[in-house]
C-alpha atoms as a PDB file:
ATOM      1  CA  MET A   1      91.700  85.600  81.993  1.00  0.00           C
ATOM      2  CA  GLU A   2      93.400  82.167  82.474  1.00  0.00           C
ATOM      3  CA  ILE A   3      97.191  82.211  82.157  1.00  0.00           C
ATOM      4  CA  GLN A   4      99.457  79.595  80.955  1.00  0.00           C
ATOM      5  CA  VAL A   5     103.092  79.319  80.516  1.00  0.00           C
ATOM      6  CA  LYS A   6     105.053  77.433  77.998  1.00  0.00           C
ATOM      7  CA  LYS A   7     108.491  76.910  76.681  1.00  0.00           C
ATOM      8  CA  TRP A   8     108.997  77.335  73.092  1.00  0.00           C
ATOM      9  CA  GLY A   9     109.028  73.370  72.688  1.00  0.00           C
ATOM     10  CA  GLU A  10     105.809  73.194  74.138  1.00  0.00           C
ATOM     11  CA  LEU A  11     103.641  75.405  71.964  1.00  0.00           C
ATOM     12  CA  SER A  12     101.516  74.118  69.673  1.00  0.00           C
ATOM     13  CA  ARG A  13     101.513  75.389  65.911  1.00  0.00           C
ATOM     14  CA  ASP A  14      98.340  77.467  66.420  1.00  0.00           C
ATOM     15  CA  GLU A  15      99.585  78.574  69.773  1.00  0.00           C
ATOM     16  CA  LEU A  16     102.596  80.168  67.987  1.00  0.00           C
ATOM     17  CA  TYR A  17     100.504  81.352  65.535  1.00  0.00           C
ATOM     18  CA  ALA A  18      98.211  83.108  67.797  1.00  0.00           C
ATOM     19  CA  CYS A  19     101.283  84.667  69.928  1.00  0.00           C
ATOM     20  CA  LEU A  20     102.898  85.968  66.408  1.00  0.00           C
ATOM     21  CA  ASP A  21      99.546  87.415  65.074  1.00  0.00           C
ATOM     22  CA  LEU A  22      98.819  89.171  68.390  1.00  0.00           C
ATOM     23  CA  ARG A  23     102.509  90.563  68.723  1.00  0.00           C
ATOM     24  CA  ILE A  24     102.201  91.549  64.893  1.00  0.00           C
ATOM     25  CA  LYS A  25      98.780  93.238  65.419  1.00  0.00           C
ATOM     26  CA  VAL A  26      99.697  95.152  68.520  1.00  0.00           C
ATOM     27  CA  PHE A  27     103.568  95.816  67.372  1.00  0.00           C
ATOM     28  CA  VAL A  28     103.927  96.395  63.821  1.00  0.00           C
ATOM     29  CA  VAL A  29     100.302  97.179  62.786  1.00  0.00           C
ATOM     30  CA  GLU A  30      98.736  99.466  65.571  1.00  0.00           C
ATOM     31  CA  GLN A  31     101.888 101.182  66.096  1.00  0.00           C
ATOM     32  CA  HIS A  32     102.928 101.634  62.450  1.00  0.00           C
ATOM     33  CA  CYS A  33     106.342 100.292  63.507  1.00  0.00           C
ATOM     34  CA  ALA A  34     108.000  98.206  60.654  1.00  0.00           C
ATOM     35  CA  TYR A  35     110.664  96.134  62.410  1.00  0.00           C
ATOM     36  CA  GLN A  36     111.558  92.012  62.845  1.00  0.00           C
ATOM     37  CA  GLU A  37     109.331  91.084  64.701  1.00  0.00           C
ATOM     38  CA  ALA A  38     110.739  87.393  64.796  1.00  0.00           C
ATOM     39  CA  ASP A  39     114.099  88.206  66.424  1.00  0.00           C
ATOM     40  CA  GLY A  40     115.408  84.832  67.369  1.00  0.00           C
ATOM     41  CA  HIS A  41     114.885  84.923  70.962  1.00  0.00           C
ATOM     42  CA  ASP A  42     111.712  83.050  71.138  1.00  0.00           C
ATOM     43  CA  GLN A  43     113.040  79.519  71.344  1.00  0.00           C
ATOM     44  CA  ASN A  44     114.911  80.673  74.325  1.00  0.00           C
ATOM     45  CA  SER A  45     112.174  82.276  76.295  1.00  0.00           C
ATOM     46  CA  GLN A  46     109.176  81.253  77.842  1.00  0.00           C
ATOM     47  CA  HIS A  47     105.736  82.571  77.004  1.00  0.00           C
ATOM     48  CA  ILE A  48     103.340  83.955  79.265  1.00  0.00           C
ATOM     49  CA  LEU A  49      99.658  83.296  77.752  1.00  0.00           C
ATOM     50  CA  GLY A  50      96.580  85.140  78.464  1.00  0.00           C
ATOM     51  CA  TYR A  51      93.206  83.512  77.220  1.00  0.00           C
ATOM     52  CA  GLU A  52      90.003  84.535  77.308  1.00  0.00           C
ATOM     53  CA  ASN A  53      87.378  81.712  76.124  1.00  0.00           C
ATOM     54  CA  GLY A  54      89.892  80.117  74.219  1.00  0.00           C
ATOM     55  CA  LYS A  55      91.235  83.131  72.283  1.00  0.00           C
ATOM     56  CA  LEU A  56      94.871  84.483  73.284  1.00  0.00           C
ATOM     57  CA  VAL A  57      94.423  87.822  74.372  1.00  0.00           C
ATOM     58  CA  ALA A  58      97.425  88.858  76.319  1.00  0.00           C
ATOM     59  CA  TYR A  59     101.175  88.016  76.003  1.00  0.00           C
ATOM     60  CA  ALA A  60     104.691  88.342  77.344  1.00  0.00           C
ATOM     61  CA  ARG A  61     108.117  86.754  76.965  1.00  0.00           C
ATOM     62  CA  LEU A  62     109.850  86.261  79.799  1.00  0.00           C
ATOM     63  CA  VAL A  63     113.696  86.135  78.266  1.00  0.00           C
ATOM     64  CA  ALA A  64     116.674  84.141  80.127  1.00  0.00           C
ATOM     65  CA  PRO A  65     119.683  86.008  81.289  1.00  0.00           C
ATOM     66  CA  GLY A  66     122.563  86.523  78.809  1.00  0.00           C
ATOM     67  CA  GLU A  67     120.011  85.832  75.789  1.00  0.00           C
ATOM     68  CA  ILE A  68     119.040  90.357  75.454  1.00  0.00           C
ATOM     69  CA  TYR A  69     120.358  91.688  78.348  1.00  0.00           C
ATOM     70  CA  ASP A  70     122.900  90.192  81.209  1.00  0.00           C
ATOM     71  CA  GLU A  71     119.365  90.262  83.226  1.00  0.00           C
ATOM     72  CA  PRO A  72     116.223  88.548  82.624  1.00  0.00           C
ATOM     73  CA  SER A  73     113.800  90.361  81.090  1.00  0.00           C
ATOM     74  CA  ILE A  74     110.236  90.384  80.372  1.00  0.00           C
ATOM     75  CA  GLY A  75     109.237  91.984  76.540  1.00  0.00           C
ATOM     76  CA  ARG A  76     107.143  91.648  74.042  1.00  0.00           C
ATOM     77  CA  VAL A  77     103.862  92.679  76.467  1.00  0.00           C
ATOM     78  CA  ALA A  78     100.799  92.989  74.368  1.00  0.00           C
ATOM     79  CA  VAL A  79      96.906  92.897  75.072  1.00  0.00           C
ATOM     80  CA  ASP A  80      94.533  92.497  72.051  1.00  0.00           C
ATOM     81  CA  LYS A  81      93.194  95.826  71.272  1.00  0.00           C
ATOM     82  CA  ASP A  82      89.435  94.604  71.992  1.00  0.00           C
ATOM     83  CA  HIS A  83      90.467  93.386  75.656  1.00  0.00           C
ATOM     84  CA  ARG A  84      91.951  96.572  76.897  1.00  0.00           C
ATOM     85  CA  ASP A  85      90.890  97.932  79.905  1.00  0.00           C
ATOM     86  CA  LYS A  86      89.945  94.962  81.749  1.00  0.00           C
ATOM     87  CA  GLY A  87      93.133  94.755  83.813  1.00  0.00           C
ATOM     88  CA  TYR A  88      94.370  92.115  81.819  1.00  0.00           C
ATOM     89  CA  GLY A  89      98.381  93.694  81.183  1.00  0.00           C
ATOM     90  CA  ARG A  90      98.275  94.251  84.837  1.00  0.00           C
ATOM     91  CA  LYS A  91      97.451  90.674  85.306  1.00  0.00           C
ATOM     92  CA  LEU A  92      99.729  89.064  82.929  1.00  0.00           C
ATOM     93  CA  PHE A  93     102.412  91.488  83.715  1.00  0.00           C
ATOM     94  CA  ALA A  94     102.447  90.593  87.630  1.00  0.00           C
ATOM     95  CA  GLU A  95     102.302  86.663  86.655  1.00  0.00           C
ATOM     96  CA  ALA A  96     105.499  87.206  84.359  1.00  0.00           C
ATOM     97  CA  VAL A  97     107.197  89.281  87.448  1.00  0.00           C
ATOM     98  CA  GLU A  98     106.275  86.555  89.708  1.00  0.00           C
ATOM     99  CA  LYS A  99     107.701  83.764  87.176  1.00  0.00           C
ATOM    100  CA  THR A 100     110.922  85.598  86.625  1.00  0.00           C
ATOM    101  CA  ARG A 101     111.431  86.135  90.284  1.00  0.00           C
ATOM    102  CA  LYS A 102     110.757  82.467  91.151  1.00  0.00           C
ATOM    103  CA  GLN A 103     112.855  81.115  88.267  1.00  0.00           C
ATOM    104  CA  TYR A 104     115.662  83.872  89.067  1.00  0.00           C
ATOM    105  CA  PRO A 105     115.967  84.820  92.557  1.00  0.00           C
ATOM    106  CA  GLY A 106     117.765  87.337  93.692  1.00  0.00           C
ATOM    107  CA  GLN A 107     118.326  89.020  90.292  1.00  0.00           C
ATOM    108  CA  THR A 108     117.597  92.414  89.054  1.00  0.00           C
ATOM    109  CA  LEU A 109     114.989  92.274  86.286  1.00  0.00           C
ATOM    110  CA  LYS A 110     115.207  94.577  83.149  1.00  0.00           C
ATOM    111  CA  ILE A 111     112.902  95.584  80.488  1.00  0.00           C
ATOM    112  CA  GLN A 112     112.794  97.919  77.337  1.00  0.00           C
ATOM    113  CA  ALA A 113     109.704  99.757  78.035  1.00  0.00           C
ATOM    114  CA  GLN A 114     107.407 102.398  75.604  1.00  0.00           C
ATOM    115  CA  THR A 115     107.574 105.717  77.292  1.00  0.00           C
ATOM    116  CA  TYR A 116     103.655 106.066  77.097  1.00  0.00           C
ATOM    117  CA  LEU A 117     103.729 102.886  79.837  1.00  0.00           C
ATOM    118  CA  GLU A 118     106.773 104.185  81.980  1.00  0.00           C
ATOM    119  CA  VAL A 119     104.191 104.721  84.864  1.00  0.00           C
ATOM    120  CA  PHE A 120     102.274 101.283  84.500  1.00  0.00           C
ATOM    121  CA  TYR A 121     105.878  99.543  85.001  1.00  0.00           C
ATOM    122  CA  GLN A 122     106.804 101.869  87.893  1.00  0.00           C
ATOM    123  CA  SER A 123     103.869 100.686  89.440  1.00  0.00           C
ATOM    124  CA  PHE A 124     105.321  97.321  89.730  1.00  0.00           C
ATOM    125  CA  GLY A 125     108.282  99.125  91.061  1.00  0.00           C
ATOM    126  CA  PHE A 126     110.597  99.278  88.323  1.00  0.00           C
ATOM    127  CA  LYS A 127     112.931 102.415  88.227  1.00  0.00           C
ATOM    128  CA  THR A 128     113.827 104.356  84.849  1.00  0.00           C
ATOM    129  CA  ILE A 129     117.763 104.124  84.154  1.00  0.00           C
ATOM    130  CA  SER A 130     117.812 105.310  80.750  1.00  0.00           C
ATOM    131  CA  GLU A 131     116.964 108.925  79.039  1.00  0.00           C
ATOM    132  CA  PRO A 132     114.245 108.053  76.151  1.00  0.00           C
ATOM    133  CA  TYR A 133     115.189 107.210  72.704  1.00  0.00           C
ATOM    134  CA  PRO A 134     113.932 106.173  69.713  1.00  0.00           C
ATOM    135  CA  ASP A 135     113.589 102.216  68.815  1.00  0.00           C
ATOM    136  CA  PHE A 136     112.333 101.818  65.332  1.00  0.00           C
ATOM    137  CA  GLY A 137     110.604 105.130  65.740  1.00  0.00           C
ATOM    138  CA  VAL A 138     108.859 104.513  69.082  1.00  0.00           C
ATOM    139  CA  TRP A 139     110.025 106.113  72.328  1.00  0.00           C
ATOM    140  CA  HIS A 140     111.561 103.766  74.926  1.00  0.00           C
ATOM    141  CA  VAL A 141     113.353 103.791  78.298  1.00  0.00           C
ATOM    142  CA  ASP A 142     115.164 101.034  79.913  1.00  0.00           C
ATOM    143  CA  MET A 143     114.127  99.946  83.371  1.00  0.00           C
ATOM    144  CA  THR A 144     114.907  97.622  86.279  1.00  0.00           C
ATOM    145  CA  LEU A 145     113.317  96.219  89.221  1.00  0.00           C
ATOM    146  CA  GLU A 146     115.589  95.227  92.088  1.00  0.00           C
ATOM    147  CA  PRO A 147     115.614  92.015  93.703  1.00  0.00           C
END
């Protein structure tokens, strides 16, 4: 999988469409979760794109401090259903953490994780800081990674 990192203004229309398409497939359709996917934070974020043979198969969004949380965060982590169990999520998320660490050195990183992925994020050193709570019908926890 080839990884690219782009700011909002660097995304072509086709790349933006592919990002939104993947996010909607995973978070809205697969998870049966009706919510406003275009949340107004994409314009001030960096987009981490994972490609296989020219097709977007993995995605994450790096959000600046103060945009959603006081801390920098990574969100909208998604892997295409047909490309799971290949380590793409781990590779993409590792790249996202590394990029965030370089861009915001010495800062705590905060994420909102679906509870079924809590162990996955713990494997990167994240610690759970909240009790599970429903967000649009899907159970989540807040997690942080200290510097």
